[in-house]
């Protein structure tokens, strides 16, 4: 039984680490988006520039 418990702990730890990685990537994307301002404030190409 001890071996099964160890395996479960390892799987839980791996899942926890993957979740932390995912959250940190999401946080980086959100920071990049908020630093750049909204699309309404800074359009990529205005009609006058074309």
N, C-alpha and C. Protein backbone atom coordinates (compact mmCIF):
# COMPACT_ATOMS: atom_id res chain seq x y z
N UNK A 1 0.82 -1.21 0.00
CA UNK A 1 0.00 0.00 0.00
C UNK A 1 0.86 1.27 0.00
N UNK A 2 2.00 1.20 0.61
CA UNK A 2 2.85 2.38 0.68
C UNK A 2 3.25 2.85 -0.72
N UNK A 3 3.55 1.88 -1.60
CA UNK A 3 3.96 2.25 -2.96
C UNK A 3 2.85 3.00 -3.69
N UNK A 4 1.61 2.54 -3.54
CA UNK A 4 0.49 3.21 -4.20
C UNK A 4 0.34 4.63 -3.67
N UNK A 5 0.50 4.83 -2.38
CA UNK A 5 0.41 6.16 -1.80
C UNK A 5 1.49 7.08 -2.33
N UNK A 6 2.71 6.53 -2.46
CA UNK A 6 3.81 7.33 -3.01
C UNK A 6 3.51 7.75 -4.44
N UNK A 7 2.97 6.84 -5.22
CA UNK A 7 2.64 7.14 -6.61
C UNK A 7 1.58 8.23 -6.68
N UNK A 8 0.56 8.13 -5.83
CA UNK A 8 -0.50 9.14 -5.80
C UNK A 8 0.06 10.50 -5.42
N UNK A 9 0.96 10.52 -4.44
CA UNK A 9 1.57 11.78 -4.02
C UNK A 9 2.37 12.40 -5.17
N UNK A 10 3.10 11.54 -5.92
CA UNK A 10 3.89 12.04 -7.04
C UNK A 10 2.99 12.61 -8.13
N UNK A 11 1.90 11.91 -8.42
CA UNK A 11 0.97 12.38 -9.45
C UNK A 11 0.33 13.69 -9.02
N UNK A 12 -0.08 13.77 -7.76
CA UNK A 12 -0.67 15.01 -7.26
C UNK A 12 0.33 16.16 -7.32
N UNK A 13 1.58 15.88 -6.97
CA UNK A 13 2.62 16.92 -7.00
C UNK A 13 2.87 17.37 -8.44
N UNK A 14 2.92 16.42 -9.37
CA UNK A 14 3.11 16.77 -10.78
C UNK A 14 1.95 17.62 -11.30
N UNK A 15 0.74 17.24 -10.95
CA UNK A 15 -0.43 18.01 -11.38
C UNK A 15 -0.40 19.41 -10.78
N UNK A 16 0.01 19.51 -9.53
CA UNK A 16 0.11 20.80 -8.86
C UNK A 16 1.14 21.69 -9.55
N UNK A 17 2.29 21.10 -9.90
CA UNK A 17 3.33 21.88 -10.57
C UNK A 17 2.88 22.32 -11.96
N UNK A 18 2.18 21.45 -12.69
CA UNK A 18 1.66 21.84 -14.01
C UNK A 18 0.65 22.98 -13.88
N UNK A 19 -0.18 22.91 -12.85
CA UNK A 19 -1.17 23.97 -12.64
C UNK A 19 -0.48 25.29 -12.31
N UNK A 20 0.57 25.25 -11.50
CA UNK A 20 1.32 26.47 -11.19
C UNK A 20 1.95 27.06 -12.45
N UNK A 21 2.51 26.19 -13.30
CA UNK A 21 3.10 26.66 -14.57
C UNK A 21 2.03 27.33 -15.44
N UNK A 22 0.87 26.70 -15.52
CA UNK A 22 -0.22 27.24 -16.35
C UNK A 22 -0.65 28.61 -15.82
N UNK A 23 -0.79 28.71 -14.50
CA UNK A 23 -1.20 29.98 -13.91
C UNK A 23 -0.16 31.07 -14.14
N UNK A 24 1.11 30.72 -14.05
CA UNK A 24 2.14 31.74 -14.26
C UNK A 24 2.15 32.21 -15.71
N UNK A 25 1.91 31.29 -16.67
CA UNK A 25 1.83 31.69 -18.08
C UNK A 25 0.63 32.60 -18.30
N UNK A 26 -0.50 32.26 -17.69
CA UNK A 26 -1.69 33.11 -17.83
C UNK A 26 -1.43 34.49 -17.25
N UNK A 27 -0.75 34.55 -16.10
CA UNK A 27 -0.44 35.82 -15.46
C UNK A 27 0.43 36.67 -16.38
N UNK A 28 1.43 36.05 -17.02
CA UNK A 28 2.30 36.79 -17.94
C UNK A 28 1.51 37.36 -19.11
N UNK A 29 0.60 36.59 -19.67
CA UNK A 29 -0.21 37.06 -20.80
C UNK A 29 -1.08 38.23 -20.36
N UNK A 30 -1.68 38.12 -19.19
CA UNK A 30 -2.54 39.20 -18.69
C UNK A 30 -1.72 40.46 -18.48
N UNK A 31 -0.51 40.32 -17.91
CA UNK A 31 0.34 41.49 -17.70
C UNK A 31 0.72 42.14 -19.02
N UNK A 32 1.04 41.32 -20.03
CA UNK A 32 1.39 41.87 -21.34
C UNK A 32 0.22 42.61 -21.95
N UNK A 33 -0.97 42.04 -21.81
CA UNK A 33 -2.16 42.67 -22.38
C UNK A 33 -2.47 43.98 -21.67
N UNK A 34 -2.35 43.99 -20.35
CA UNK A 34 -2.68 45.21 -19.61
C UNK A 34 -1.61 46.28 -19.81
N UNK A 35 -0.38 45.89 -20.02
CA UNK A 35 0.70 46.86 -20.24
C UNK A 35 0.55 47.53 -21.60
N UNK A 36 0.00 46.81 -22.58
CA UNK A 36 -0.15 47.35 -23.92
C UNK A 36 -1.37 48.21 -24.08
N UNK A 37 -2.24 48.24 -23.11
CA UNK A 37 -3.48 49.00 -23.23
C UNK A 37 -4.52 48.20 -23.98
N UNK A 38 -5.71 48.71 -24.03
CA UNK A 38 -6.77 47.98 -24.72
C UNK A 38 -6.68 48.24 -26.22
N UNK A 39 -7.29 47.38 -26.99
CA UNK A 39 -7.27 47.53 -28.45
C UNK A 39 -8.01 48.78 -28.89
N UNK A 40 -9.00 49.19 -28.12
CA UNK A 40 -9.77 50.38 -28.49
C UNK A 40 -8.92 51.64 -28.37
N UNK A 41 -8.00 51.67 -27.42
CA UNK A 41 -7.15 52.84 -27.24
C UNK A 41 -6.06 52.91 -28.29
N UNK A 42 -5.51 51.75 -28.70
CA UNK A 42 -4.39 51.71 -29.62
C UNK A 42 -4.70 50.76 -30.77
N UNK A 43 -5.42 51.21 -31.78
CA UNK A 43 -5.70 50.31 -32.91
C UNK A 43 -4.41 49.98 -33.65
N UNK A 44 -4.31 48.76 -34.15
CA UNK A 44 -3.10 48.32 -34.85
C UNK A 44 -2.91 49.14 -36.13
N UNK A 45 -3.96 49.28 -36.90
CA UNK A 45 -3.89 50.06 -38.15
C UNK A 45 -5.16 50.91 -38.24
N UNK A 46 -4.98 52.20 -38.30
CA UNK A 46 -6.17 53.03 -38.45
C UNK A 46 -6.49 53.16 -39.94
N UNK A 47 -7.69 53.56 -40.25
CA UNK A 47 -8.10 53.69 -41.65
C UNK A 47 -7.31 54.78 -42.36
N UNK A 48 -6.89 55.82 -41.65
CA UNK A 48 -6.15 56.92 -42.26
C UNK A 48 -4.74 56.50 -42.66
N UNK A 49 -4.15 55.56 -41.93
CA UNK A 49 -2.78 55.14 -42.20
C UNK A 49 -2.68 54.22 -43.41
N UNK A 50 -3.75 53.60 -43.82
CA UNK A 50 -3.71 52.63 -44.92
C UNK A 50 -3.42 53.24 -46.25
